[in-house]
Protein backbone atom coordinates (compact mmCIF):
# COMPACT_ATOMS: atom_id res chain seq x y z
CA MET A 1 -25.47 -49.06 -62.36
CA LEU A 2 -21.66 -49.40 -62.36
CA LYS A 3 -19.55 -51.03 -59.69
CA ILE A 4 -15.76 -51.23 -59.69
CA VAL A 5 -14.31 -53.79 -57.29
CA ASP A 6 -10.60 -53.94 -56.43
CA ILE A 7 -9.43 -53.12 -59.96
CA GLU A 8 -5.72 -53.39 -60.70
CA SER A 9 -4.29 -52.24 -64.02
CA GLY A 10 -1.51 -50.23 -65.59
CA TYR A 11 0.84 -49.96 -68.54
CA GLY A 12 3.32 -52.76 -69.22
CA PRO A 13 4.93 -53.61 -65.86
CA MET A 14 3.90 -50.28 -64.27
CA GLN A 15 0.90 -50.62 -61.98
CA VAL A 16 -1.28 -47.51 -61.82
CA LEU A 17 -4.48 -48.69 -60.14
CA TRP A 18 -4.23 -50.30 -56.71
CA LYS A 19 -7.65 -51.83 -56.02
CA PRO A 20 -9.93 -48.78 -56.13
CA CYS A 21 -13.59 -49.52 -55.44
CA ILE A 22 -16.33 -47.17 -56.62
CA GLU A 23 -20.05 -47.30 -57.29
CA VAL A 24 -21.92 -45.10 -59.75
CA ALA A 25 -25.61 -44.89 -58.93
CA GLU A 26 -28.13 -44.80 -61.78
CA GLY A 27 -29.31 -41.30 -62.65
CA HIS A 28 -26.63 -39.62 -60.52
CA ILE A 29 -23.47 -37.63 -61.16
CA THR A 30 -20.52 -39.31 -59.48
CA SER A 31 -17.27 -37.34 -59.43
CA LEU A 32 -13.76 -38.75 -59.24
CA LEU A 33 -11.40 -36.04 -58.00
CA GLY A 34 -7.66 -35.83 -57.50
CA PRO A 35 -4.55 -34.19 -58.97
CA ASN A 36 -2.90 -35.12 -62.26
CA GLY A 37 -1.20 -38.49 -62.52
CA VAL A 38 -3.09 -40.37 -59.80
CA GLY A 39 -4.86 -42.82 -62.13
CA LYS A 40 -8.23 -41.20 -62.84
CA SER A 41 -8.03 -41.43 -66.62
CA THR A 42 -6.50 -44.90 -66.39
CA LEU A 43 -9.56 -46.02 -64.45
CA LEU A 44 -11.92 -44.67 -67.13
CA TRP A 45 -10.00 -46.38 -69.94
CA THR A 46 -9.96 -49.60 -67.91
CA ILE A 47 -13.73 -49.42 -67.41
CA LEU A 48 -14.17 -48.93 -71.15
CA GLY A 49 -11.91 -51.86 -71.96
CA ALA A 50 -9.13 -50.01 -73.78
CA ILE A 51 -6.82 -51.02 -70.91
CA ARG A 52 -7.30 -54.60 -69.77
CA PRO A 53 -7.49 -54.99 -65.99
CA TRP A 54 -5.07 -57.34 -64.28
CA ASN A 55 -7.40 -58.17 -61.41
CA GLY A 56 -10.74 -57.12 -59.99
CA GLN A 57 -14.26 -56.77 -61.36
CA ILE A 58 -16.27 -54.29 -63.41
CA LEU A 59 -20.00 -54.80 -62.95
CA TYR A 60 -22.53 -53.00 -65.15
CA GLY A 61 -26.01 -53.56 -63.87
CA ALA A 62 -26.08 -57.21 -62.87
CA ARG A 63 -23.52 -58.19 -65.50
CA ASP A 64 -19.80 -58.79 -65.10
CA VAL A 65 -18.25 -56.88 -68.04
CA THR A 66 -14.63 -57.02 -66.84
CA GLY A 67 -13.28 -58.87 -69.85
CA LEU A 68 -15.54 -57.43 -72.55
CA PRO A 69 -13.87 -55.52 -75.41
CA THR A 70 -14.58 -51.82 -75.84
CA HIS A 71 -17.10 -52.14 -78.69
CA LYS A 72 -19.19 -54.58 -76.66
CA LYS A 73 -19.29 -52.15 -73.75
CA VAL A 74 -20.36 -49.34 -76.07
CA ASP A 75 -23.13 -51.62 -77.34
CA LEU A 76 -24.29 -52.02 -73.72
CA GLY A 77 -24.58 -48.24 -73.34
CA ILE A 78 -21.22 -47.16 -71.89
CA THR A 79 -19.36 -44.30 -73.57
CA LEU A 80 -16.38 -42.09 -72.79
CA VAL A 81 -15.68 -38.46 -73.65
CA PRO A 82 -11.88 -38.46 -73.43
CA GLU A 83 -9.67 -35.65 -72.22
CA GLY A 84 -9.16 -33.12 -75.03
CA LYS A 85 -11.62 -32.43 -77.81
CA HIS A 86 -10.46 -34.87 -80.53
CA LEU A 87 -12.65 -33.31 -83.22
CA LEU A 88 -12.24 -33.72 -86.95
CA SER A 89 -11.52 -30.03 -87.44
CA GLY A 90 -11.89 -30.03 -91.24
CA MET A 91 -15.38 -31.53 -91.05
CA THR A 92 -18.59 -29.71 -90.20
CA VAL A 93 -20.35 -29.89 -86.85
CA HIS A 94 -23.02 -32.11 -88.42
CA GLU A 95 -20.43 -34.47 -89.88
CA ASN A 96 -18.63 -34.73 -86.54
CA LEU A 97 -21.89 -35.55 -84.78
CA MET A 98 -22.84 -38.20 -87.30
CA MET A 99 -19.50 -39.92 -86.66
CA GLY A 100 -20.94 -40.81 -83.26
CA ALA A 101 -23.88 -42.69 -84.77
CA TYR A 102 -21.79 -45.58 -86.05
CA ARG A 103 -23.64 -48.29 -84.13
CA LYS A 104 -26.59 -49.82 -86.00
CA GLU A 105 -29.02 -48.90 -83.22
CA ALA A 106 -27.63 -45.37 -83.04
CA ALA A 107 -27.76 -44.94 -86.83
CA HIS A 108 -31.44 -45.90 -86.91
CA SER A 109 -32.31 -43.13 -84.45
CA ALA A 110 -29.72 -40.57 -85.57
CA GLU A 111 -32.26 -37.92 -86.58
CA GLN A 112 -34.06 -38.23 -83.25
CA SER A 113 -30.72 -37.96 -81.43
CA LEU A 114 -29.83 -34.85 -83.43
CA GLU A 115 -33.11 -33.21 -82.45
CA MET A 116 -32.38 -33.89 -78.78
CA ILE A 117 -28.83 -32.55 -79.14
CA TYR A 118 -29.98 -29.34 -80.83
CA GLU A 119 -32.49 -28.79 -78.03
CA LEU A 120 -29.69 -29.22 -75.48
CA PHE A 121 -27.19 -27.16 -77.46
CA PRO A 122 -29.04 -24.60 -79.61
CA VAL A 123 -25.75 -23.02 -80.64
CA LEU A 124 -24.72 -26.25 -82.38
CA LYS A 125 -27.82 -26.06 -84.56
CA GLU A 126 -26.70 -22.60 -85.61
CA ARG A 127 -23.21 -23.93 -86.34
CA THR A 128 -24.27 -27.19 -88.00
CA LYS A 129 -22.63 -26.39 -91.38
CA GLN A 130 -19.55 -24.73 -89.88
CA ASN A 131 -16.21 -26.52 -89.67
CA ALA A 132 -15.66 -27.78 -86.13
CA GLY A 133 -12.13 -26.36 -86.06
CA LEU A 134 -13.51 -22.82 -86.31
CA LEU A 135 -15.65 -23.09 -83.16
CA SER A 136 -14.76 -21.60 -79.80
CA GLY A 137 -13.24 -23.88 -77.16
CA GLY A 138 -16.53 -24.18 -75.31
CA GLU A 139 -18.45 -24.96 -78.48
CA GLN A 140 -15.90 -27.61 -79.44
CA GLN A 141 -16.38 -29.26 -76.06
CA MET A 142 -20.15 -29.23 -76.65
CA VAL A 143 -19.61 -31.02 -79.99
CA THR A 144 -17.38 -33.60 -78.28
CA ILE A 145 -20.03 -34.35 -75.66
CA ALA A 146 -22.82 -34.29 -78.24
CA ARG A 147 -20.97 -36.75 -80.48
CA ALA A 148 -20.81 -39.18 -77.54
CA LEU A 149 -24.56 -38.73 -77.05
CA MET A 150 -25.11 -39.90 -80.63
CA THR A 151 -24.07 -43.42 -79.50
CA LYS A 152 -27.24 -43.47 -77.31
CA PRO A 153 -25.44 -44.15 -74.02
CA GLN A 154 -26.93 -44.88 -70.64
CA LEU A 155 -23.67 -44.21 -68.78
CA ILE A 156 -21.39 -41.42 -69.98
CA MET A 157 -17.89 -40.95 -68.58
CA LEU A 158 -16.41 -37.45 -68.90
CA ASP A 159 -12.65 -36.97 -68.59
CA GLU A 160 -11.69 -33.38 -67.69
CA PRO A 161 -14.47 -31.71 -69.75
CA SER A 162 -13.46 -28.22 -68.54
CA GLN A 163 -9.76 -28.56 -69.32
CA GLY A 164 -8.25 -25.45 -70.88
CA LEU A 165 -11.47 -23.45 -70.85
CA ALA A 166 -11.98 -19.91 -69.57
CA PRO A 167 -13.94 -19.65 -66.29
CA LYS A 168 -17.13 -18.53 -68.06
CA LEU A 169 -16.97 -21.52 -70.40
CA VAL A 170 -16.30 -23.87 -67.48
CA GLY A 171 -19.66 -22.81 -66.07
CA GLU A 172 -21.33 -23.56 -69.41
CA VAL A 173 -19.78 -27.03 -69.58
CA PHE A 174 -20.92 -27.91 -66.07
CA ALA A 175 -24.39 -26.60 -66.82
CA THR A 176 -24.36 -29.01 -69.75
CA VAL A 177 -23.32 -31.88 -67.49
CA GLU A 178 -26.25 -31.19 -65.20
CA LYS A 179 -28.60 -31.05 -68.20
CA LEU A 180 -27.44 -34.51 -69.22
CA LYS A 181 -28.59 -35.78 -65.85
CA GLU A 182 -31.78 -33.76 -65.41
CA GLU A 183 -33.12 -33.56 -68.98
CA VAL A 184 -31.66 -36.64 -70.70
CA GLY A 185 -31.62 -38.93 -67.65
CA LEU A 186 -28.05 -40.11 -68.09
CA THR A 187 -25.84 -41.58 -65.42
CA ILE A 188 -22.51 -39.72 -65.30
CA LEU A 189 -19.04 -40.55 -64.04
CA LEU A 190 -17.12 -37.28 -64.04
CA VAL A 191 -13.34 -36.96 -63.76
CA GLU A 192 -12.24 -33.40 -63.00
CA GLN A 193 -9.47 -31.32 -61.48
CA ASN A 194 -11.80 -28.36 -61.00
CA ALA A 195 -12.86 -29.39 -57.52
CA GLU A 196 -15.26 -26.55 -56.79
CA ALA A 197 -17.27 -26.93 -60.00
CA SER A 198 -17.26 -30.70 -59.65
CA LEU A 199 -18.51 -30.58 -56.07
CA ASP A 200 -21.31 -28.25 -57.17
CA ALA A 201 -22.47 -30.72 -59.82
CA ALA A 202 -21.91 -34.07 -58.13
CA ASP A 203 -24.23 -36.19 -56.01
CA TYR A 204 -21.38 -38.36 -54.71
CA VAL A 205 -17.61 -37.92 -54.74
CA TYR A 206 -14.55 -40.17 -54.62
CA ILE A 207 -11.04 -38.84 -53.99
CA MET A 208 -8.22 -40.73 -55.73
CA HIS A 209 -4.54 -40.52 -54.85
CA GLU A 210 -1.73 -42.76 -56.11
CA GLY A 211 -4.17 -45.19 -57.69
CA ARG A 212 -6.20 -45.69 -54.53
CA ILE A 213 -9.48 -44.26 -53.22
CA LYS A 214 -8.57 -42.20 -50.18
CA ALA A 215 -11.95 -40.69 -49.30
CA GLU A 216 -15.56 -40.71 -50.43
CA GLY A 217 -18.86 -39.18 -49.48
CA LYS A 218 -21.71 -36.97 -50.55
CA ALA A 219 -20.53 -33.79 -52.24
CA GLU A 220 -21.50 -31.59 -49.31
CA GLU A 221 -19.66 -33.88 -46.87
CA ILE A 222 -16.48 -33.59 -48.92
CA ARG A 223 -16.93 -29.83 -49.23
CA GLN A 224 -17.23 -29.45 -45.46
CA SER A 225 -14.21 -31.66 -44.65
CA LYS A 226 -11.25 -29.31 -44.27
CA ASP A 227 -8.83 -32.25 -43.86
CA ILE A 228 -9.88 -33.93 -47.11
CA ARG A 229 -9.86 -30.67 -49.06
CA GLU A 230 -6.42 -29.66 -47.86
CA ALA A 231 -4.85 -33.12 -48.14
CA TYR A 232 -6.12 -34.15 -51.55
CA LEU A 233 -7.78 -31.26 -53.37
CA GLY A 234 -5.61 -28.30 -52.48
CA VAL A 235 -8.64 -26.09 -51.84
């Protein structure tokens, strides 16, 4: 579904990405692992179009979308759940969710999307009239993911969805990620530092270091490679 070919990008004169190549298969969870500061988030923002690539290609389906602006990519079904929750804390859960249905197509099916979201996250239905800022950390992350679902994506990119959460809540978030694949049928590109949880969820894994892909393979292959784990994941 998504193919990244030799992408180079960065900030001003500082190059961050040095020709990483990845493929995200339709209906699969693909994880991008690596420590802080190696370019994972930069790659996601480059895919979305918020950072313009210097060189390389971004292919979505059979289409070259390298130069498309962000809103055009969202229209094609690509969305990003950025690192951090970024909720409108003074607004209710329902109001935060409806902010995601800003596209004409999404607005027309907003009620249907809400029904799906409340089936996935029953607790959000219970909290629908509550201010988002009063929710627990795990519930806030659910709202963040659910708001992205309101755009009716086909490919959802998740940037550190378990960041700052207690271990029990991390498990809940990753259970949600797997639901998005199994029950909603989404394709997922997952950026995470929690290597163990990410390996449990992923179908295929890429390891990034210093803006380059250093290793890749099926999740179980990465898990069983002591050299890769020790060199790049610290586990």
